[in-house]
């Protein structure tokens, strides 16, 4: 599951609107919208502010190396 899907599902499971999530996390509504839309470049500190509400934080994730080689060809 990617970050955008994770945040959207967690937000909805708590019955929060994007605006309510932004207020509780202390980030802008635009940031929440962009995060849920899968924007490629986000400020990690702000992402962690949002994830903290769900009891999570950013961390390294293993990738499928064979996919890397397939994409470069």
C-alpha atoms as a PDB file:
ATOM      1  CA  UNK A   1       0.000   0.000   0.000  1.00  0.00           C
ATOM      2  CA  UNK A   2       1.392   3.391  -0.862  1.00  0.00           C
ATOM      3  CA  UNK A   3       1.411   6.425   1.427  1.00  0.00           C
ATOM      4  CA  UNK A   4      -1.481   8.205  -0.264  1.00  0.00           C
ATOM      5  CA  UNK A   5      -3.773   5.201   0.026  1.00  0.00           C
ATOM      6  CA  UNK A   6      -2.682   4.537   3.624  1.00  0.00           C
ATOM      7  CA  UNK A   7      -3.436   8.085   4.780  1.00  0.00           C
ATOM      8  CA  UNK A   8      -6.767   8.221   2.968  1.00  0.00           C
ATOM      9  CA  UNK A   9      -7.907   4.889   4.427  1.00  0.00           C
ATOM     10  CA  UNK A  10      -6.800   5.799   7.966  1.00  0.00           C
ATOM     11  CA  UNK A  11      -8.490   9.195   7.735  1.00  0.00           C
ATOM     12  CA  UNK A  12     -11.742   7.683   6.535  1.00  0.00           C
ATOM     13  CA  UNK A  13     -11.648   4.915   9.153  1.00  0.00           C
ATOM     14  CA  UNK A  14     -11.554   7.634  11.817  1.00  0.00           C
ATOM     15  CA  UNK A  15     -14.400   9.500  10.139  1.00  0.00           C
ATOM     16  CA  UNK A  16     -12.297  12.601   9.488  1.00  0.00           C
ATOM     17  CA  UNK A  17     -12.582  14.984   6.576  1.00  0.00           C
ATOM     18  CA  UNK A  18      -9.404  16.202   4.905  1.00  0.00           C
ATOM     19  CA  UNK A  19      -9.932  19.551   6.611  1.00  0.00           C
ATOM     20  CA  UNK A  20     -10.289  17.956  10.045  1.00  0.00           C
ATOM     21  CA  UNK A  21      -7.145  15.904   9.495  1.00  0.00           C
ATOM     22  CA  UNK A  22      -5.198  18.974   8.433  1.00  0.00           C
ATOM     23  CA  UNK A  23      -6.283  20.862  11.551  1.00  0.00           C
ATOM     24  CA  UNK A  24      -5.479  17.988  13.916  1.00  0.00           C
ATOM     25  CA  UNK A  25      -2.081  17.409  12.300  1.00  0.00           C
ATOM     26  CA  UNK A  26      -1.174  21.080  12.083  1.00  0.00           C
ATOM     27  CA  UNK A  27      -0.644  21.039   8.326  1.00  0.00           C
ATOM     28  CA  UNK A  28      -2.465  22.805   5.524  1.00  0.00           C
ATOM     29  CA  UNK A  29      -5.492  21.384   3.769  1.00  0.00           C
ATOM     30  CA  UNK A  30      -3.618  21.603   0.464  1.00  0.00           C
ATOM     31  CA  UNK A  31      -0.847  19.418   1.908  1.00  0.00           C
ATOM     32  CA  UNK A  32      -3.334  16.713   2.936  1.00  0.00           C
ATOM     33  CA  UNK A  33      -4.964  16.812  -0.494  1.00  0.00           C
ATOM     34  CA  UNK A  34      -1.616  16.544  -2.265  1.00  0.00           C
ATOM     35  CA  UNK A  35      -0.520  13.691  -0.008  1.00  0.00           C
ATOM     36  CA  UNK A  36      -3.720  11.741  -0.682  1.00  0.00           C
ATOM     37  CA  UNK A  37      -3.330  12.382  -4.425  1.00  0.00           C
ATOM     38  CA  UNK A  38       0.151  10.834  -4.367  1.00  0.00           C
ATOM     39  CA  UNK A  39       2.287  13.912  -4.941  1.00  0.00           C
ATOM     40  CA  UNK A  40       5.863  12.716  -5.442  1.00  0.00           C
ATOM     41  CA  UNK A  41       7.642  15.405  -3.392  1.00  0.00           C
ATOM     42  CA  UNK A  42       6.416  16.074   0.130  1.00  0.00           C
ATOM     43  CA  UNK A  43       8.126  17.481   3.194  1.00  0.00           C
ATOM     44  CA  UNK A  44       9.013  14.541   5.421  1.00  0.00           C
ATOM     45  CA  UNK A  45       8.437  16.476   8.645  1.00  0.00           C
ATOM     46  CA  UNK A  46       4.881  17.311   7.577  1.00  0.00           C
ATOM     47  CA  UNK A  47       4.234  13.731   6.473  1.00  0.00           C
ATOM     48  CA  UNK A  48       5.358  12.592   9.924  1.00  0.00           C
ATOM     49  CA  UNK A  49       3.015  15.121  11.558  1.00  0.00           C
ATOM     50  CA  UNK A  50       0.114  13.454   9.769  1.00  0.00           C
ATOM     51  CA  UNK A  51       1.306   9.888  10.332  1.00  0.00           C
ATOM     52  CA  UNK A  52       1.834  10.554  14.042  1.00  0.00           C
ATOM     53  CA  UNK A  53      -1.941  10.904  14.453  1.00  0.00           C
ATOM     54  CA  UNK A  54      -2.252   7.285  13.293  1.00  0.00           C
ATOM     55  CA  UNK A  55       0.640   6.026  15.430  1.00  0.00           C
ATOM     56  CA  UNK A  56       3.111   5.752  12.531  1.00  0.00           C
ATOM     57  CA  UNK A  57       6.198   7.464  11.150  1.00  0.00           C
ATOM     58  CA  UNK A  58       8.197   7.351   7.919  1.00  0.00           C
ATOM     59  CA  UNK A  59      10.861   4.714   7.622  1.00  0.00           C
ATOM     60  CA  UNK A  60      12.847   2.749   5.063  1.00  0.00           C
ATOM     61  CA  UNK A  61      10.996   0.173   3.029  1.00  0.00           C
ATOM     62  CA  UNK A  62      12.602  -2.614   1.023  1.00  0.00           C
ATOM     63  CA  UNK A  63      11.981  -2.495  -2.708  1.00  0.00           C
ATOM     64  CA  UNK A  64      11.810  -5.231  -5.279  1.00  0.00           C
ATOM     65  CA  UNK A  65      15.191  -4.848  -6.986  1.00  0.00           C
ATOM     66  CA  UNK A  66      14.047  -6.720 -10.091  1.00  0.00           C
ATOM     67  CA  UNK A  67      11.490  -3.964 -10.673  1.00  0.00           C
ATOM     68  CA  UNK A  68      14.293  -1.396 -10.622  1.00  0.00           C
ATOM     69  CA  UNK A  69      16.149  -3.174 -13.395  1.00  0.00           C
ATOM     70  CA  UNK A  70      12.986  -3.645 -15.437  1.00  0.00           C
ATOM     71  CA  UNK A  71      12.175   0.079 -15.276  1.00  0.00           C
ATOM     72  CA  UNK A  72      15.664   1.128 -16.423  1.00  0.00           C
ATOM     73  CA  UNK A  73      15.538  -0.927 -19.618  1.00  0.00           C
END
